[in-house]
PDB file of N, CA and C in Angstrom:
ATOM      1  N   MET A   1       2.808  19.684   3.039  1.00  0.00           N
ATOM      2  CA  MET A   1       2.144  20.863   1.927  1.00  0.00           C
ATOM      3  C   MET A   1       3.527  21.640   1.262  1.00  0.00           C
ATOM      4  N   ALA A   2       4.499  21.533   3.431  1.00  0.00           N
ATOM      5  CA  ALA A   2       5.603  22.817   3.104  1.00  0.00           C
ATOM      6  C   ALA A   2       6.430  22.377   1.089  1.00  0.00           C
ATOM      7  N   ASP A   3       6.791  20.879   1.281  1.00  0.00           N
ATOM      8  CA  ASP A   3       7.339  20.904   0.624  1.00  0.00           C
ATOM      9  C   ASP A   3       6.533  20.896  -1.140  1.00  0.00           C
ATOM     10  N   GLN A   4       5.710  22.048  -1.462  1.00  0.00           N
ATOM     11  CA  GLN A   4       5.196  22.589  -2.193  1.00  0.00           C
ATOM     12  C   GLN A   4       6.514  23.778  -2.906  1.00  0.00           C
ATOM     13  N   GLN A   5       5.964  23.401  -3.710  1.00  0.00           N
ATOM     14  CA  GLN A   5       7.116  24.995  -4.417  1.00  0.00           C
ATOM     15  C   GLN A   5       5.663  25.663  -5.645  1.00  0.00           C
ATOM     16  N   PRO A   6       5.084  26.807  -5.758  1.00  0.00           N
ATOM     17  CA  PRO A   6       5.011  28.142  -6.666  1.00  0.00           C
ATOM     18  C   PRO A   6       5.156  27.915  -7.354  1.00  0.00           C
ATOM     19  N   GLY A   7       4.341  27.119  -8.587  1.00  0.00           N
ATOM     20  CA  GLY A   7       4.516  27.224 -10.085  1.00  0.00           C
ATOM     21  C   GLY A   7       4.925  25.877 -10.330  1.00  0.00           C
ATOM     22  N   HIS A   8       4.577  25.182  -9.186  1.00  0.00           N
ATOM     23  CA  HIS A   8       5.262  23.428 -10.331  1.00  0.00           C
ATOM     24  C   HIS A   8       3.956  22.948  -9.279  1.00  0.00           C
ATOM     25  N   PRO A   9       3.631  21.753 -10.095  1.00  0.00           N
ATOM     26  CA  PRO A   9       1.951  21.318  -9.893  1.00  0.00           C
ATOM     27  C   PRO A   9       2.239  20.018  -8.339  1.00  0.00           C
ATOM     28  N   ARG A  10       1.623  19.334  -8.428  1.00  0.00           N
ATOM     29  CA  ARG A  10       1.422  19.265  -7.108  1.00  0.00           C
ATOM     30  C   ARG A  10       1.398  17.675  -7.390  1.00  0.00           C
ATOM     31  N   LYS A  11       2.363  17.299  -6.159  1.00  0.00           N
ATOM     32  CA  LYS A  11       2.019  15.920  -6.390  1.00  0.00           C
ATOM     33  C   LYS A  11       0.471  14.896  -6.541  1.00  0.00           C
ATOM     34  N   MET A  12       1.178  13.152  -7.079  1.00  0.00           N
ATOM     35  CA  MET A  12      -0.356  12.989  -7.345  1.00  0.00           C
ATOM     36  C   MET A  12      -0.746  12.943  -4.915  1.00  0.00           C
ATOM     37  N   ARG A  13       0.184  12.300  -4.430  1.00  0.00           N
ATOM     38  CA  ARG A  13      -0.561  12.148  -3.425  1.00  0.00           C
ATOM     39  C   ARG A  13      -1.117  13.492  -2.338  1.00  0.00           C
ATOM     40  N   THR A  14      -0.517  14.959  -3.495  1.00  0.00           N
ATOM     41  CA  THR A  14      -1.198  15.820  -2.608  1.00  0.00           C
ATOM     42  C   THR A  14      -2.593  16.474  -3.557  1.00  0.00           C
ATOM     43  N   SER A  15      -2.140  15.738  -5.177  1.00  0.00           N
ATOM     44  CA  SER A  15      -3.145  16.722  -5.418  1.00  0.00           C
ATOM     45  C   SER A  15      -4.941  16.394  -5.355  1.00  0.00           C
ATOM     46  N   VAL A  16      -5.574  16.787  -5.409  1.00  0.00           N
ATOM     47  CA  VAL A  16      -7.059  17.129  -5.617  1.00  0.00           C
ATOM     48  C   VAL A  16      -7.789  16.321  -7.019  1.00  0.00           C
ATOM     49  N   LYS A  17      -7.183  16.059  -8.059  1.00  0.00           N
ATOM     50  CA  LYS A  17      -7.795  15.671  -8.858  1.00  0.00           C
ATOM     51  C   LYS A  17      -7.787  14.544  -8.990  1.00  0.00           C
ATOM     52  N   GLY A  18      -6.357  13.629  -8.668  1.00  0.00           N
ATOM     53  CA  GLY A  18      -6.692  12.184  -7.952  1.00  0.00           C
ATOM     54  C   GLY A  18      -7.906  11.333  -8.067  1.00  0.00           C
ATOM     55  N   PRO A  19      -8.013  11.346  -6.293  1.00  0.00           N
ATOM     56  CA  PRO A  19      -9.581  11.221  -5.798  1.00  0.00           C
ATOM     57  C   PRO A  19     -10.703  11.775  -6.417  1.00  0.00           C
ATOM     58  N   LEU A  20     -10.851  12.242  -7.188  1.00  0.00           N
ATOM     59  CA  LEU A  20     -11.967  13.078  -7.650  1.00  0.00           C
ATOM     60  C   LEU A  20     -12.484  12.394  -8.246  1.00  0.00           C
ATOM     61  N   MET A  21     -11.451  11.856  -9.909  1.00  0.00           N
ATOM     62  CA  MET A  21     -11.302  11.390 -10.589  1.00  0.00           C
ATOM     63  C   MET A  21     -11.649   9.225 -10.625  1.00  0.00           C
ATOM     64  N   PHE A  22     -11.333   9.648  -8.958  1.00  0.00           N
ATOM     65  CA  PHE A  22     -11.352   7.499  -8.660  1.00  0.00           C
ATOM     66  C   PHE A  22     -13.305   7.862  -8.049  1.00  0.00           C
ATOM     67  N   SER A  23     -13.306   8.534  -7.427  1.00  0.00           N
ATOM     68  CA  SER A  23     -14.548   8.736  -6.670  1.00  0.00           C
ATOM     69  C   SER A  23     -15.524   8.965  -8.340  1.00  0.00           C
ATOM     70  N   ALA A  24     -15.890   9.758  -8.924  1.00  0.00           N
ATOM     71  CA  ALA A  24     -16.010   9.679 -10.142  1.00  0.00           C
ATOM     72  C   ALA A  24     -16.805   9.275 -10.834  1.00  0.00           C
ATOM     73  N   PHE A  25     -15.377   8.019 -10.996  1.00  0.00           N
ATOM     74  CA  PHE A  25     -15.685   6.800 -11.955  1.00  0.00           C
ATOM     75  C   PHE A  25     -16.632   5.852 -10.990  1.00  0.00           C
ATOM     76  N   TRP A  26     -16.452   5.369  -9.942  1.00  0.00           N
ATOM     77  CA  TRP A  26     -17.338   4.871  -9.104  1.00  0.00           C
ATOM     78  C   TRP A  26     -18.592   5.120  -8.773  1.00  0.00           C
ATOM     79  N   ALA A  27     -18.833   6.651  -9.435  1.00  0.00           N
ATOM     80  CA  ALA A  27     -20.140   7.363  -9.115  1.00  0.00           C
ATOM     81  C   ALA A  27     -21.332   6.564 -10.435  1.00  0.00           C
ATOM     82  N   ALA A  28     -20.151   6.496 -11.336  1.00  0.00           N
ATOM     83  CA  ALA A  28     -20.339   6.341 -12.646  1.00  0.00           C
ATOM     84  C   ALA A  28     -20.717   4.685 -12.884  1.00  0.00           C
ATOM     85  N   ILE A  29     -20.129   4.366 -12.754  1.00  0.00           N
ATOM     86  CA  ILE A  29     -19.967   2.419 -12.801  1.00  0.00           C
ATOM     87  C   ILE A  29     -21.855   2.729 -11.204  1.00  0.00           C
ATOM     88  N   ALA A  30     -21.651   2.843 -10.758  1.00  0.00           N
ATOM     89  CA  ALA A  30     -22.552   2.335  -9.696  1.00  0.00           C
ATOM     90  C   ALA A  30     -24.214   3.427 -10.543  1.00  0.00           C
ATOM     91  N   PHE A  31     -23.940   4.653 -11.053  1.00  0.00           N
ATOM     92  CA  PHE A  31     -25.495   4.802 -11.910  1.00  0.00           C
ATOM     93  C   PHE A  31     -25.932   3.910 -13.043  1.00  0.00           C
ATOM     94  N   VAL A  32     -25.482   2.891 -13.334  1.00  0.00           N
ATOM     95  CA  VAL A  32     -25.690   2.267 -14.849  1.00  0.00           C
ATOM     96  C   VAL A  32     -25.835   1.394 -14.273  1.00  0.00           C
ATOM     97  N   ALA A  33     -25.194   0.884 -13.199  1.00  0.00           N
ATOM     98  CA  ALA A  33     -25.563  -0.351 -13.138  1.00  0.00           C
ATOM     99  C   ALA A  33     -27.590  -0.179 -12.471  1.00  0.00           C
ATOM    100  N   VAL A  34     -27.314   0.750 -11.577  1.00  0.00           N
ATOM    101  CA  VAL A  34     -28.780   0.488 -10.630  1.00  0.00           C
ATOM    102  C   VAL A  34     -29.784   1.296 -11.916  1.00  0.00           C
ATOM    103  N   VAL A  35     -29.151   2.080 -12.780  1.00  0.00           N
ATOM    104  CA  VAL A  35     -30.488   2.065 -14.184  1.00  0.00           C
ATOM    105  C   VAL A  35     -30.194   1.252 -14.912  1.00  0.00           C
ATOM    106  N   ILE A  36     -29.791  -0.136 -15.088  1.00  0.00           N
ATOM    107  CA  ILE A  36     -30.316  -1.235 -15.274  1.00  0.00           C
ATOM    108  C   ILE A  36     -30.570  -1.797 -14.342  1.00  0.00           C
ATOM    109  N   PHE A  37     -30.690  -2.112 -13.439  1.00  0.00           N
ATOM    110  CA  PHE A  37     -30.863  -3.378 -11.979  1.00  0.00           C
ATOM    111  C   PHE A  37     -32.133  -3.339 -11.349  1.00  0.00           C
ATOM    112  N   ALA A  38     -32.575  -1.920 -11.458  1.00  0.00           N
ATOM    113  CA  ALA A  38     -32.802  -1.475 -10.375  1.00  0.00           C
ATOM    114  C   ALA A  38     -35.278  -1.381 -11.049  1.00  0.00           C
ATOM    115  N   SER A  39     -35.015  -1.131 -12.273  1.00  0.00           N
ATOM    116  CA  SER A  39     -36.199  -1.513 -13.116  1.00  0.00           C
ATOM    117  C   SER A  39     -36.790  -2.582 -13.552  1.00  0.00           C
ATOM    118  N   GLY A  40     -35.928  -3.224 -13.242  1.00  0.00           N
ATOM    119  CA  GLY A  40     -37.014  -4.607 -12.980  1.00  0.00           C
ATOM    120  C   GLY A  40     -37.342  -5.311 -14.054  1.00  0.00           C
ATOM    121  N   GLY A  41     -36.714  -4.595 -16.019  1.00  0.00           N
ATOM    122  CA  GLY A  41     -36.868  -4.893 -16.703  1.00  0.00           C
ATOM    123  C   GLY A  41     -37.126  -4.286 -17.606  1.00  0.00           C
ATOM    124  N   SER A  42     -37.061  -4.035 -19.405  1.00  0.00           N
ATOM    125  CA  SER A  42     -37.269  -3.386 -19.974  1.00  0.00           C
ATOM    126  C   SER A  42     -37.993  -3.017 -20.363  1.00  0.00           C
ATOM    127  N   ALA A  43     -39.464  -3.489 -19.869  1.00  0.00           N
ATOM    128  CA  ALA A  43     -41.023  -2.776 -19.752  1.00  0.00           C
ATOM    129  C   ALA A  43     -41.727  -1.892 -18.766  1.00  0.00           C
ATOM    130  N   ARG A  44     -40.502  -1.344 -17.853  1.00  0.00           N
ATOM    131  CA  ARG A  44     -40.655  -0.568 -17.109  1.00  0.00           C
ATOM    132  C   ARG A  44     -39.879   0.337 -17.052  1.00  0.00           C
ATOM    133  N   ALA A  45     -40.257   1.907 -17.073  1.00  0.00           N
ATOM    134  CA  ALA A  45     -39.657   2.991 -17.138  1.00  0.00           C
ATOM    135  C   ALA A  45     -37.770   3.190 -15.933  1.00  0.00           C
ATOM    136  N   PRO A  46     -37.487   3.363 -16.383  1.00  0.00           N
ATOM    137  CA  PRO A  46     -35.358   2.710 -15.433  1.00  0.00           C
ATOM    138  C   PRO A  46     -36.055   4.061 -14.442  1.00  0.00           C
ATOM    139  N   ARG A  47     -35.186   3.932 -12.887  1.00  0.00           N
ATOM    140  CA  ARG A  47     -35.496   4.169 -11.910  1.00  0.00           C
ATOM    141  C   ARG A  47     -34.332   4.919 -11.937  1.00  0.00           C
ATOM    142  N   PHE A  48     -34.136   7.064 -12.575  1.00  0.00           N
ATOM    143  CA  PHE A  48     -33.108   7.341 -11.843  1.00  0.00           C
ATOM    144  C   PHE A  48     -33.211   8.452 -10.927  1.00  0.00           C
ATOM    145  N   ASP A  49     -34.148   7.948 -10.375  1.00  0.00           N
ATOM    146  CA  ASP A  49     -33.938   8.261  -8.665  1.00  0.00           C
ATOM    147  C   ASP A  49     -32.925   7.537  -7.955  1.00  0.00           C
ATOM    148  N   LEU A  50     -33.240   6.031  -7.948  1.00  0.00           N
ATOM    149  CA  LEU A  50     -32.165   5.252  -7.179  1.00  0.00           C
ATOM    150  C   LEU A  50     -30.963   5.778  -7.964  1.00  0.00           C
ATOM    151  N   ALA A  51     -30.948   5.970  -9.147  1.00  0.00           N
ATOM    152  CA  ALA A  51     -29.582   5.558  -9.524  1.00  0.00           C
ATOM    153  C   ALA A  51     -28.820   7.094  -9.497  1.00  0.00           C
ATOM    154  N   PHE A  52     -28.942   7.822  -9.186  1.00  0.00           N
ATOM    155  CA  PHE A  52     -28.697   9.511  -9.039  1.00  0.00           C
ATOM    156  C   PHE A  52     -28.035   9.619  -7.403  1.00  0.00           C
ATOM    157  N   THR A  53     -28.838   8.451  -6.271  1.00  0.00           N
ATOM    158  CA  THR A  53     -29.356   7.840  -4.418  1.00  0.00           C
ATOM    159  C   THR A  53     -28.108   7.638  -4.680  1.00  0.00           C
ATOM    160  N   ALA A  54     -26.940   5.846  -4.963  1.00  0.00           N
ATOM    161  CA  ALA A  54     -26.054   5.511  -5.958  1.00  0.00           C
ATOM    162  C   ALA A  54     -25.284   6.789  -6.053  1.00  0.00           C
ATOM    163  N   ALA A  55     -25.427   6.951  -7.126  1.00  0.00           N
ATOM    164  CA  ALA A  55     -24.787   7.435  -7.826  1.00  0.00           C
ATOM    165  C   ALA A  55     -24.022   8.839  -6.217  1.00  0.00           C
ATOM    166  N   GLY A  56     -24.057   8.949  -6.118  1.00  0.00           N
ATOM    167  CA  GLY A  56     -23.424  10.425  -5.054  1.00  0.00           C
ATOM    168  C   GLY A  56     -23.704   9.463  -3.500  1.00  0.00           C
ATOM    169  N   ILE A  57     -24.469   8.340  -3.054  1.00  0.00           N
ATOM    170  CA  ILE A  57     -23.547   7.436  -2.056  1.00  0.00           C
ATOM    171  C   ILE A  57     -22.109   7.239  -2.367  1.00  0.00           C
ATOM    172  N   ALA A  58     -21.776   6.835  -3.410  1.00  0.00           N
ATOM    173  CA  ALA A  58     -20.984   6.265  -3.842  1.00  0.00           C
ATOM    174  C   ALA A  58     -19.326   6.888  -3.681  1.00  0.00           C
ATOM    175  N   PHE A  59     -19.878   7.941  -4.698  1.00  0.00           N
ATOM    176  CA  PHE A  59     -19.465   9.444  -4.904  1.00  0.00           C
ATOM    177  C   PHE A  59     -18.356   9.314  -3.390  1.00  0.00           C
ATOM    178  N   ILE A  60     -19.582   9.863  -2.247  1.00  0.00           N
ATOM    179  CA  ILE A  60     -19.232  10.462  -1.745  1.00  0.00           C
ATOM    180  C   ILE A  60     -18.220   9.361   0.042  1.00  0.00           C
ATOM    181  N   VAL A  61     -18.359   8.249  -0.224  1.00  0.00           N
ATOM    182  CA  VAL A  61     -18.162   7.169   0.676  1.00  0.00           C
ATOM    183  C   VAL A  61     -16.571   7.019  -0.843  1.00  0.00           C
ATOM    184  N   THR A  62     -16.601   7.219  -1.925  1.00  0.00           N
ATOM    185  CA  THR A  62     -15.194   6.777  -2.153  1.00  0.00           C
ATOM    186  C   THR A  62     -14.585   8.076  -1.524  1.00  0.00           C
ATOM    187  N   LEU A  63     -14.472   9.080  -1.432  1.00  0.00           N
ATOM    188  CA  LEU A  63     -14.131  10.381  -1.842  1.00  0.00           C
ATOM    189  C   LEU A  63     -13.581   9.703  -0.223  1.00  0.00           C
ATOM    190  N   VAL A  64     -14.670   9.835   0.822  1.00  0.00           N
ATOM    191  CA  VAL A  64     -13.735   9.929   2.173  1.00  0.00           C
ATOM    192  C   VAL A  64     -12.991   8.937   2.576  1.00  0.00           C
ATOM    193  N   ILE A  65     -13.336   7.733   1.282  1.00  0.00           N
ATOM    194  CA  ILE A  65     -11.836   6.533   1.875  1.00  0.00           C
ATOM    195  C   ILE A  65      -9.991   7.022   0.983  1.00  0.00           C
ATOM    196  N   ALA A  66     -10.194   7.597   0.685  1.00  0.00           N
ATOM    197  CA  ALA A  66      -9.431   8.175  -0.609  1.00  0.00           C
ATOM    198  C   ALA A  66      -8.437   9.074   0.003  1.00  0.00           C
ATOM    199  N   ALA A  67      -9.764  10.295   0.701  1.00  0.00           N
ATOM    200  CA  ALA A  67      -8.885  10.841   1.568  1.00  0.00           C
ATOM    201  C   ALA A  67      -7.786  10.043   3.249  1.00  0.00           C
ATOM    202  N   MET A  68      -9.354   9.906   4.039  1.00  0.00           N
ATOM    203  CA  MET A  68      -8.192   8.786   4.662  1.00  0.00           C
ATOM    204  C   MET A  68      -7.204   7.844   4.510  1.00  0.00           C
ATOM    205  N   LEU A  69      -6.725   7.675   3.733  1.00  0.00           N
ATOM    206  CA  LEU A  69      -5.901   6.344   2.600  1.00  0.00           C
ATOM    207  C   LEU A  69      -5.368   7.479   2.930  1.00  0.00           C
ATOM    208  N   ALA A  70      -5.246   8.804   2.145  1.00  0.00           N
ATOM    209  CA  ALA A  70      -4.375   9.763   1.710  1.00  0.00           C
ATOM    210  C   ALA A  70      -3.481  10.745   2.771  1.00  0.00           C
ATOM    211  N   MET A  71      -3.950  10.741   4.142  1.00  0.00           N
ATOM    212  CA  MET A  71      -4.242  11.488   5.475  1.00  0.00           C
ATOM    213  C   MET A  71      -3.322  10.284   6.165  1.00  0.00           C
ATOM    214  N   SER A  72      -3.499   9.428   5.435  1.00  0.00           N
ATOM    215  CA  SER A  72      -2.273   8.346   6.230  1.00  0.00           C
ATOM    216  C   SER A  72      -0.907   7.517   5.927  1.00  0.00           C
ATOM    217  N   HIS A  73      -1.311   8.153   4.644  1.00  0.00           N
ATOM    218  CA  HIS A  73      -0.169   8.247   4.248  1.00  0.00           C
ATOM    219  C   HIS A  73       1.338   8.523   5.028  1.00  0.00           C
ATOM    220  N   LYS A  74       2.086   8.036   5.032  1.00  0.00           N
ATOM    221  CA  LYS A  74       3.089   7.432   5.920  1.00  0.00           C
ATOM    222  C   LYS A  74       4.993   7.600   5.293  1.00  0.00           C
ATOM    223  N   ASP A  75       5.566   8.809   4.595  1.00  0.00           N
ATOM    224  CA  ASP A  75       7.510   8.210   4.247  1.00  0.00           C
ATOM    225  C   ASP A  75       8.326   7.422   4.834  1.00  0.00           C
ATOM    226  N   ASN A  76       8.595   6.350   4.669  1.00  0.00           N
ATOM    227  CA  ASN A  76       9.451   5.583   5.966  1.00  0.00           C
ATOM    228  C   ASN A  76      10.929   6.212   5.617  1.00  0.00           C
ATOM    229  N   ALA A  77      11.080   6.183   7.011  1.00  0.00           N
ATOM    230  CA  ALA A  77      12.708   7.030   7.301  1.00  0.00           C
ATOM    231  C   ALA A  77      13.752   6.571   6.349  1.00  0.00           C
ATOM    232  N   ASP A  78      14.713   8.113   6.456  1.00  0.00           N
ATOM    233  CA  ASP A  78      15.954   8.199   4.948  1.00  0.00           C
ATOM    234  C   ASP A  78      16.456   6.966   6.168  1.00  0.00           C
ATOM    235  N   TYR A  79      17.116   6.531   6.917  1.00  0.00           N
ATOM    236  CA  TYR A  79      17.501   5.213   7.708  1.00  0.00           C
ATOM    237  C   TYR A  79      16.928   4.182   7.366  1.00  0.00           C
ATOM    238  N   LEU A  80      15.606   3.848   7.638  1.00  0.00           N
ATOM    239  CA  LEU A  80      15.624   2.734   6.872  1.00  0.00           C
ATOM    240  C   LEU A  80      15.505   1.753   5.312  1.00  0.00           C
ATOM    241  N   GLY A  81      16.608   3.285   4.697  1.00  0.00           N
ATOM    242  CA  GLY A  81      16.617   2.028   3.061  1.00  0.00           C
ATOM    243  C   GLY A  81      17.661   2.352   2.977  1.00  0.00           C
ATOM    244  N   LYS A  82      18.471   1.724   4.236  1.00  0.00           N
ATOM    245  CA  LYS A  82      20.252   1.881   4.275  1.00  0.00           C
ATOM    246  C   LYS A  82      20.572   1.064   4.826  1.00  0.00           C
ATOM    247  N   GLY A  83      21.873  -0.193   4.454  1.00  0.00           N
ATOM    248  CA  GLY A  83      21.957  -1.085   5.489  1.00  0.00           C
ATOM    249  C   GLY A  83      21.729  -2.343   4.422  1.00  0.00           C
ATOM    250  N   SER A  84      22.489  -3.147   4.616  1.00  0.00           N
ATOM    251  CA  SER A  84      22.404  -4.896   4.342  1.00  0.00           C
ATOM    252  C   SER A  84      20.811  -5.629   4.232  1.00  0.00           C
ATOM    253  N   GLY A  85      20.182  -5.051   5.120  1.00  0.00           N
ATOM    254  CA  GLY A  85      19.783  -5.327   5.679  1.00  0.00           C
ATOM    255  C   GLY A  85      18.727  -7.681   6.181  1.00  0.00           C
ATOM    256  N   VAL A  86      18.517  -7.641   6.395  1.00  0.00           N
ATOM    257  CA  VAL A  86      18.324  -9.231   7.707  1.00  0.00           C
ATOM    258  C   VAL A  86      18.563 -10.485   6.825  1.00  0.00           C
ATOM    259  N   ASN A  87      19.627 -10.964   6.295  1.00  0.00           N
ATOM    260  CA  ASN A  87      19.665 -12.088   5.824  1.00  0.00           C
ATOM    261  C   ASN A  87      20.133 -12.204   4.313  1.00  0.00           C
ATOM    262  N   LEU A  88      20.083 -10.862   3.755  1.00  0.00           N
ATOM    263  CA  LEU A  88      21.138 -10.259   2.353  1.00  0.00           C
ATOM    264  C   LEU A  88      21.773 -10.432   1.918  1.00  0.00           C
ATOM    265  N   SER A  89      22.587 -10.709   3.188  1.00  0.00           N
ATOM    266  CA  SER A  89      24.267 -11.065   2.984  1.00  0.00           C
ATOM    267  C   SER A  89      24.432 -12.117   3.879  1.00  0.00           C
ATOM    268  N   SER A  90      25.447 -13.338   2.311  1.00  0.00           N
ATOM    269  CA  SER A  90      26.431 -14.741   2.663  1.00  0.00           C
ATOM    270  C   SER A  90      27.925 -14.355   3.856  1.00  0.00           C
ATOM    271  N   ALA A  91      27.671 -13.083   4.037  1.00  0.00           N
ATOM    272  CA  ALA A  91      29.238 -12.650   4.500  1.00  0.00           C
ATOM    273  C   ALA A  91      28.814 -13.364   6.521  1.00  0.00           C
ATOM    274  N   PRO A  92      30.260 -13.727   6.960  1.00  0.00           N
ATOM    275  CA  PRO A  92      30.286 -14.398   8.072  1.00  0.00           C
ATOM    276  C   PRO A  92      30.103 -13.132   8.578  1.00  0.00           C
ATOM    277  N   LYS A  93      29.171 -13.090   9.585  1.00  0.00           N
ATOM    278  CA  LYS A  93      28.564 -12.423  10.931  1.00  0.00           C
ATOM    279  C   LYS A  93      29.237 -12.597  11.990  1.00  0.00           C
ATOM    280  N   LYS A  94      28.600 -11.851  13.541  1.00  0.00           N
ATOM    281  CA  LYS A  94      29.048 -12.390  14.615  1.00  0.00           C
ATOM    282  C   LYS A  94      28.727 -13.188  15.524  1.00  0.00           C
ATOM    283  N   SER A  95      28.791 -13.341  16.743  1.00  0.00           N
ATOM    284  CA  SER A  95      27.335 -14.242  16.530  1.00  0.00           C
ATOM    285  C   SER A  95      26.443 -13.212  17.858  1.00  0.00           C
ATOM    286  N   HIS A  96      24.828 -13.408  17.484  1.00  0.00           N
ATOM    287  CA  HIS A  96      23.876 -12.943  17.531  1.00  0.00           C
ATOM    288  C   HIS A  96      23.304 -13.337  19.094  1.00  0.00           C
ATOM    289  N   GLY A  97      24.016 -13.419  20.049  1.00  0.00           N
ATOM    290  CA  GLY A  97      23.080 -13.927  20.955  1.00  0.00           C
ATOM    291  C   GLY A  97      23.401 -15.274  21.370  1.00  0.00           C
ATOM    292  N   PHE A  98      23.767 -16.127  20.500  1.00  0.00           N
ATOM    293  CA  PHE A  98      23.482 -17.502  20.528  1.00  0.00           C
ATOM    294  C   PHE A  98      23.885 -17.615  21.468  1.00  0.00           C
ATOM    295  N   GLY A  99      24.593 -18.320  21.933  1.00  0.00           N
ATOM    296  CA  GLY A  99      25.142 -18.698  22.592  1.00  0.00           C
ATOM    297  C   GLY A  99      27.537 -17.577  22.889  1.00  0.00           C
ATOM    298  N   ALA A 100      27.741 -18.832  23.153  1.00  0.00           N
ATOM    299  CA  ALA A 100      29.182 -18.072  23.415  1.00  0.00           C
ATOM    300  C   ALA A 100      29.727 -17.196  21.771  1.00  0.00           C
ATOM    301  N   PRO A 101      30.499 -16.214  22.010  1.00  0.00           N
ATOM    302  CA  PRO A 101      31.298 -16.428  20.741  1.00  0.00           C
ATOM    303  C   PRO A 101      32.574 -17.539  20.675  1.00  0.00           C
ATOM    304  N   GLY A 102      32.860 -17.574  19.294  1.00  0.00           N
ATOM    305  CA  GLY A 102      33.277 -18.204  18.204  1.00  0.00           C
ATOM    306  C   GLY A 102      33.612 -19.072  17.440  1.00  0.00           C
ATOM    307  N   PRO A 103      34.062 -19.689  17.029  1.00  0.00           N
ATOM    308  CA  PRO A 103      34.490 -20.400  15.363  1.00  0.00           C
ATOM    309  C   PRO A 103      33.641 -19.611  14.606  1.00  0.00           C
ATOM    310  N   GLN A 104      33.830 -19.202  13.293  1.00  0.00           N
ATOM    311  CA  GLN A 104      32.727 -18.835  12.081  1.00  0.00           C
ATOM    312  C   GLN A 104      32.017 -20.213  11.906  1.00  0.00           C
ATOM    313  N   ASP A 105      33.365 -21.333  11.764  1.00  0.00           N
ATOM    314  CA  ASP A 105      33.082 -22.161  10.883  1.00  0.00           C
ATOM    315  C   ASP A 105      32.936 -23.394  11.624  1.00  0.00           C
ATOM    316  N   PRO A 106      32.044 -23.794  11.623  1.00  0.00           N
ATOM    317  CA  PRO A 106      31.511 -24.854  12.760  1.00  0.00           C
ATOM    318  C   PRO A 106      32.403 -26.261  12.109  1.00  0.00           C
ATOM    319  N   ALA A 107      32.562 -26.258  10.521  1.00  0.00           N
ATOM    320  CA  ALA A 107      32.780 -27.826  10.361  1.00  0.00           C
ATOM    321  C   ALA A 107      34.653 -27.916  10.905  1.00  0.00           C
ATOM    322  N   SER A 108      35.243 -26.678  11.023  1.00  0.00           N
ATOM    323  CA  SER A 108      36.565 -26.535  11.337  1.00  0.00           C
ATOM    324  C   SER A 108      37.251 -27.660  11.761  1.00  0.00           C
ATOM    325  N   PRO A 109      38.292 -28.414  11.867  1.00  0.00           N
ATOM    326  CA  PRO A 109      38.521 -29.445  13.022  1.00  0.00           C
ATOM    327  C   PRO A 109      39.170 -28.341  13.954  1.00  0.00           C
ATOM    328  N   ASP A 110      39.321 -28.854  14.616  1.00  0.00           N
ATOM    329  CA  ASP A 110      40.041 -28.493  15.894  1.00  0.00           C
ATOM    330  C   ASP A 110      41.195 -29.025  16.444  1.00  0.00           C
ATOM    331  N   GLU A 111      42.225 -28.521  16.979  1.00  0.00           N
ATOM    332  CA  GLU A 111      43.530 -29.182  17.446  1.00  0.00           C
ATOM    333  C   GLU A 111      44.427 -30.828  17.108  1.00  0.00           C
ATOM    334  N   SER A 112      42.958 -31.738  18.002  1.00  0.00           N
ATOM    335  CA  SER A 112      43.822 -32.283  17.485  1.00  0.00           C
ATOM    336  C   SER A 112      42.637 -33.710  16.350  1.00  0.00           C
ATOM    337  N   GLY A 113      42.513 -32.599  14.774  1.00  0.00           N
ATOM    338  CA  GLY A 113      42.005 -33.170  13.553  1.00  0.00           C
ATOM    339  C   GLY A 113      40.285 -33.310  13.676  1.00  0.00           C
ATOM    340  N   ASN A 114      40.535 -33.595  14.513  1.00  0.00           N
ATOM    341  CA  ASN A 114      38.816 -33.572  14.623  1.00  0.00           C
ATOM    342  C   ASN A 114      37.393 -32.722  13.953  1.00  0.00           C
ATOM    343  N   PRO A 115      36.522 -33.264  13.295  1.00  0.00           N
ATOM    344  CA  PRO A 115      35.382 -32.282  12.850  1.00  0.00           C
ATOM    345  C   PRO A 115      35.212 -31.045  14.100  1.00  0.00           C
ATOM    346  N   GLY A 116      34.799 -29.826  13.825  1.00  0.00           N
ATOM    347  CA  GLY A 116      33.705 -29.396  15.271  1.00  0.00           C
ATOM    348  C   GLY A 116      32.731 -29.877  14.896  1.00  0.00           C
ATOM    349  N   PRO A 117      31.780 -29.247  16.390  1.00  0.00           N
ATOM    350  CA  PRO A 117      29.747 -30.057  16.556  1.00  0.00           C
ATOM    351  C   PRO A 117      29.749 -29.357  16.136  1.00  0.00           C
ATOM    352  N   ARG A 118      28.290 -29.558  15.337  1.00  0.00           N
ATOM    353  CA  ARG A 118      27.204 -29.939  13.932  1.00  0.00           C
ATOM    354  C   ARG A 118      26.164 -29.099  14.566  1.00  0.00           C
TER     355      ARG A 118
END
């Protein structure tokens, strides 16, 4: 919240509109599904009481899950985006602790002309 500026729209992660719309969408899906399937056929009256209950439960559950996911979000540190990464460069590197430091090209011949160990 410290990076918010007055007069500018909020970022999607800190906005309330996104999670509310997401929860309302799933509540509407639950409402329609329960109205259709809970009545038991077209000869019976639709069960709006069950449909509103299911829509309320779906709205609350998805809103809580979206809020928990938004609160647990943490940006990576700036230093993690810099550098070549692991195995991204094919340039010769020093030994990484596997044996003694030696020539980078193990197939180079030694003084007698024999190829080096593989």
